[in-house]
């Protein structure tokens, strides 16, 4: 009985930490910090999944928060792919650029003979 109570207390503690990190991630403006928080949150989630605990603790509100996180991750992914495409285009343009004469021609100094 004591073991079950201890396990349940640990589960609640991990769940509270997980939800706190979820809130922080949603409110974070910086994409880098957002990803860092999700990575930290993932470390807490793995043991919870491995314990095969009844998922009745998941509420509708929690699912909405996860949807917000997924939408933001999708936007970050799209933005990253777009930036990669732009960099690739620039790189190809630089490779294909071959100036005929990279420096302006020097003026010729000739004296006109009369």
C-alpha atoms as a PDB file:
ATOM      1  CA  UNK A   1       0.000   0.000   0.000  1.00  0.00           C
ATOM      2  CA  UNK A   2       2.810   2.370   0.929  1.00  0.00           C
ATOM      3  CA  UNK A   3       4.641   1.657  -2.330  1.00  0.00           C
ATOM      4  CA  UNK A   4       1.549   2.462  -4.350  1.00  0.00           C
ATOM      5  CA  UNK A   5       1.095   5.784  -2.503  1.00  0.00           C
ATOM      6  CA  UNK A   6       4.754   6.664  -3.015  1.00  0.00           C
ATOM      7  CA  UNK A   7       4.534   5.819  -6.697  1.00  0.00           C
ATOM      8  CA  UNK A   8       1.382   7.876  -7.062  1.00  0.00           C
ATOM      9  CA  UNK A   9       3.014  10.830  -5.262  1.00  0.00           C
ATOM     10  CA  UNK A  10       6.031  10.633  -7.605  1.00  0.00           C
ATOM     11  CA  UNK A  11       3.711  10.470 -10.589  1.00  0.00           C
ATOM     12  CA  UNK A  12       1.820  13.570  -9.440  1.00  0.00           C
ATOM     13  CA  UNK A  13       5.084  15.411  -8.881  1.00  0.00           C
ATOM     14  CA  UNK A  14       6.343  14.531 -12.365  1.00  0.00           C
ATOM     15  CA  UNK A  15       2.998  15.457 -13.887  1.00  0.00           C
ATOM     16  CA  UNK A  16       3.033  18.867 -12.172  1.00  0.00           C
ATOM     17  CA  UNK A  17       6.587  19.482 -13.407  1.00  0.00           C
ATOM     18  CA  UNK A  18       5.559  18.396 -16.900  1.00  0.00           C
ATOM     19  CA  UNK A  19       2.563  20.742 -16.916  1.00  0.00           C
ATOM     20  CA  UNK A  20       4.658  23.639 -15.568  1.00  0.00           C
ATOM     21  CA  UNK A  21       7.158  23.137 -18.398  1.00  0.00           C
ATOM     22  CA  UNK A  22       4.274  22.970 -20.870  1.00  0.00           C
ATOM     23  CA  UNK A  23       3.014  26.352 -19.654  1.00  0.00           C
ATOM     24  CA  UNK A  24       6.512  27.831 -19.858  1.00  0.00           C
ATOM     25  CA  UNK A  25       6.970  26.521 -23.394  1.00  0.00           C
ATOM     26  CA  UNK A  26       3.666  27.971 -24.568  1.00  0.00           C
ATOM     27  CA  UNK A  27       4.439  31.398 -23.117  1.00  0.00           C
ATOM     28  CA  UNK A  28       8.050  31.465 -24.371  1.00  0.00           C
ATOM     29  CA  UNK A  29       8.690  33.925 -27.200  1.00  0.00           C
ATOM     30  CA  UNK A  30      12.111  32.691 -28.323  1.00  0.00           C
ATOM     31  CA  UNK A  31      12.096  29.641 -30.582  1.00  0.00           C
ATOM     32  CA  UNK A  32      15.431  28.447 -29.198  1.00  0.00           C
ATOM     33  CA  UNK A  33      14.245  28.605 -25.595  1.00  0.00           C
ATOM     34  CA  UNK A  34      10.956  26.977 -26.625  1.00  0.00           C
ATOM     35  CA  UNK A  35      12.842  23.975 -28.034  1.00  0.00           C
ATOM     36  CA  UNK A  36      15.064  23.771 -24.929  1.00  0.00           C
ATOM     37  CA  UNK A  37      12.003  23.652 -22.660  1.00  0.00           C
ATOM     38  CA  UNK A  38      10.400  20.946 -24.812  1.00  0.00           C
ATOM     39  CA  UNK A  39      13.588  18.888 -24.612  1.00  0.00           C
ATOM     40  CA  UNK A  40      13.571  19.172 -20.836  1.00  0.00           C
ATOM     41  CA  UNK A  41       9.877  18.289 -20.811  1.00  0.00           C
ATOM     42  CA  UNK A  42      10.524  15.243 -22.979  1.00  0.00           C
ATOM     43  CA  UNK A  43      12.935  13.866 -20.376  1.00  0.00           C
ATOM     44  CA  UNK A  44      10.089  13.912 -17.847  1.00  0.00           C
ATOM     45  CA  UNK A  45       7.538  12.407 -20.228  1.00  0.00           C
ATOM     46  CA  UNK A  46       9.518   9.298 -21.191  1.00  0.00           C
ATOM     47  CA  UNK A  47       9.416   7.698 -17.704  1.00  0.00           C
ATOM     48  CA  UNK A  48       5.716   8.512 -17.429  1.00  0.00           C
ATOM     49  CA  UNK A  49       5.020   6.670 -20.670  1.00  0.00           C
ATOM     50  CA  UNK A  50       7.193   3.723 -19.665  1.00  0.00           C
ATOM     51  CA  UNK A  51       5.243   3.277 -16.415  1.00  0.00           C
ATOM     52  CA  UNK A  52       2.080   2.486 -18.402  1.00  0.00           C
ATOM     53  CA  UNK A  53      -0.031   4.501 -16.007  1.00  0.00           C
ATOM     54  CA  UNK A  54      -3.693   4.989 -16.815  1.00  0.00           C
ATOM     55  CA  UNK A  55      -3.995   8.049 -19.036  1.00  0.00           C
ATOM     56  CA  UNK A  56      -7.257   9.213 -17.497  1.00  0.00           C
ATOM     57  CA  UNK A  57      -5.276  12.101 -15.999  1.00  0.00           C
ATOM     58  CA  UNK A  58      -5.096  13.728 -19.443  1.00  0.00           C
ATOM     59  CA  UNK A  59      -7.673  16.492 -19.590  1.00  0.00           C
ATOM     60  CA  UNK A  60      -9.210  18.282 -22.546  1.00  0.00           C
ATOM     61  CA  UNK A  61      -7.286  21.423 -21.575  1.00  0.00           C
ATOM     62  CA  UNK A  62      -4.015  19.465 -21.687  1.00  0.00           C
ATOM     63  CA  UNK A  63      -4.805  18.291 -25.205  1.00  0.00           C
ATOM     64  CA  UNK A  64      -5.437  21.876 -26.344  1.00  0.00           C
ATOM     65  CA  UNK A  65      -2.063  22.898 -24.952  1.00  0.00           C
ATOM     66  CA  UNK A  66      -0.395  20.059 -26.836  1.00  0.00           C
ATOM     67  CA  UNK A  67      -2.124  21.200 -30.027  1.00  0.00           C
ATOM     68  CA  UNK A  68      -0.704  24.707 -29.507  1.00  0.00           C
ATOM     69  CA  UNK A  69       2.754  23.232 -29.076  1.00  0.00           C
ATOM     70  CA  UNK A  70       2.385  21.107 -32.208  1.00  0.00           C
ATOM     71  CA  UNK A  71       1.231  24.105 -34.265  1.00  0.00           C
ATOM     72  CA  UNK A  72       4.199  26.146 -33.103  1.00  0.00           C
ATOM     73  CA  UNK A  73       6.596  23.287 -33.862  1.00  0.00           C
ATOM     74  CA  UNK A  74       5.106  23.030 -37.339  1.00  0.00           C
ATOM     75  CA  UNK A  75       5.578  26.789 -37.871  1.00  0.00           C
ATOM     76  CA  UNK A  76       9.200  26.546 -36.705  1.00  0.00           C
ATOM     77  CA  UNK A  77       9.749  23.622 -39.073  1.00  0.00           C
ATOM     78  CA  UNK A  78       8.288  25.556 -42.018  1.00  0.00           C
ATOM     79  CA  UNK A  79      10.365  28.620 -41.163  1.00  0.00           C
ATOM     80  CA  UNK A  80      13.534  26.539 -40.911  1.00  0.00           C
ATOM     81  CA  UNK A  81      12.890  24.817 -44.242  1.00  0.00           C
ATOM     82  CA  UNK A  82      12.237  28.178 -45.881  1.00  0.00           C
ATOM     83  CA  UNK A  83      15.494  29.580 -44.505  1.00  0.00           C
ATOM     84  CA  UNK A  84      17.374  26.512 -45.717  1.00  0.00           C
ATOM     85  CA  UNK A  85      15.877  26.911 -49.184  1.00  0.00           C
ATOM     86  CA  UNK A  86      16.893  30.580 -49.302  1.00  0.00           C
ATOM     87  CA  UNK A  87      20.441  29.720 -48.238  1.00  0.00           C
ATOM     88  CA  UNK A  88      20.619  27.019 -50.878  1.00  0.00           C
ATOM     89  CA  UNK A  89      19.481  29.439 -53.593  1.00  0.00           C
ATOM     90  CA  UNK A  90      22.057  32.016 -52.513  1.00  0.00           C
ATOM     91  CA  UNK A  91      24.783  29.403 -52.502  1.00  0.00           C
ATOM     92  CA  UNK A  92      23.856  28.304 -56.034  1.00  0.00           C
ATOM     93  CA  UNK A  93      23.768  31.895 -57.223  1.00  0.00           C
ATOM     94  CA  UNK A  94      27.227  32.537 -55.813  1.00  0.00           C
ATOM     95  CA  UNK A  95      28.573  29.415 -57.493  1.00  0.00           C
ATOM     96  CA  UNK A  96      27.112  30.369 -60.853  1.00  0.00           C
ATOM     97  CA  UNK A  97      28.422  33.950 -60.755  1.00  0.00           C
ATOM     98  CA  UNK A  98      31.506  34.312 -62.976  1.00  0.00           C
ATOM     99  CA  UNK A  99      32.443  37.905 -63.617  1.00  0.00           C
ATOM    100  CA  UNK A 100      34.028  38.583 -66.985  1.00  0.00           C
ATOM    101  CA  UNK A 101      36.390  41.091 -65.483  1.00  0.00           C
ATOM    102  CA  UNK A 102      36.167  41.374 -61.738  1.00  0.00           C
ATOM    103  CA  UNK A 103      37.952  44.729 -61.615  1.00  0.00           C
ATOM    104  CA  UNK A 104      37.162  47.772 -63.721  1.00  0.00           C
ATOM    105  CA  UNK A 105      39.516  48.163 -66.638  1.00  0.00           C
ATOM    106  CA  UNK A 106      42.413  50.539 -66.140  1.00  0.00           C
ATOM    107  CA  UNK A 107      42.281  53.666 -68.264  1.00  0.00           C
ATOM    108  CA  UNK A 108      44.886  53.712 -70.994  1.00  0.00           C
ATOM    109  CA  UNK A 109      47.202  56.691 -70.929  1.00  0.00           C
ATOM    110  CA  UNK A 110      48.266  57.541 -74.461  1.00  0.00           C
ATOM    111  CA  UNK A 111      49.555  60.788 -75.668  1.00  0.00           C
ATOM    112  CA  UNK A 112      48.264  61.924 -78.956  1.00  0.00           C
ATOM    113  CA  UNK A 113      51.093  62.704 -81.383  1.00  0.00           C
ATOM    114  CA  UNK A 114      50.631  65.654 -83.632  1.00  0.00           C
END
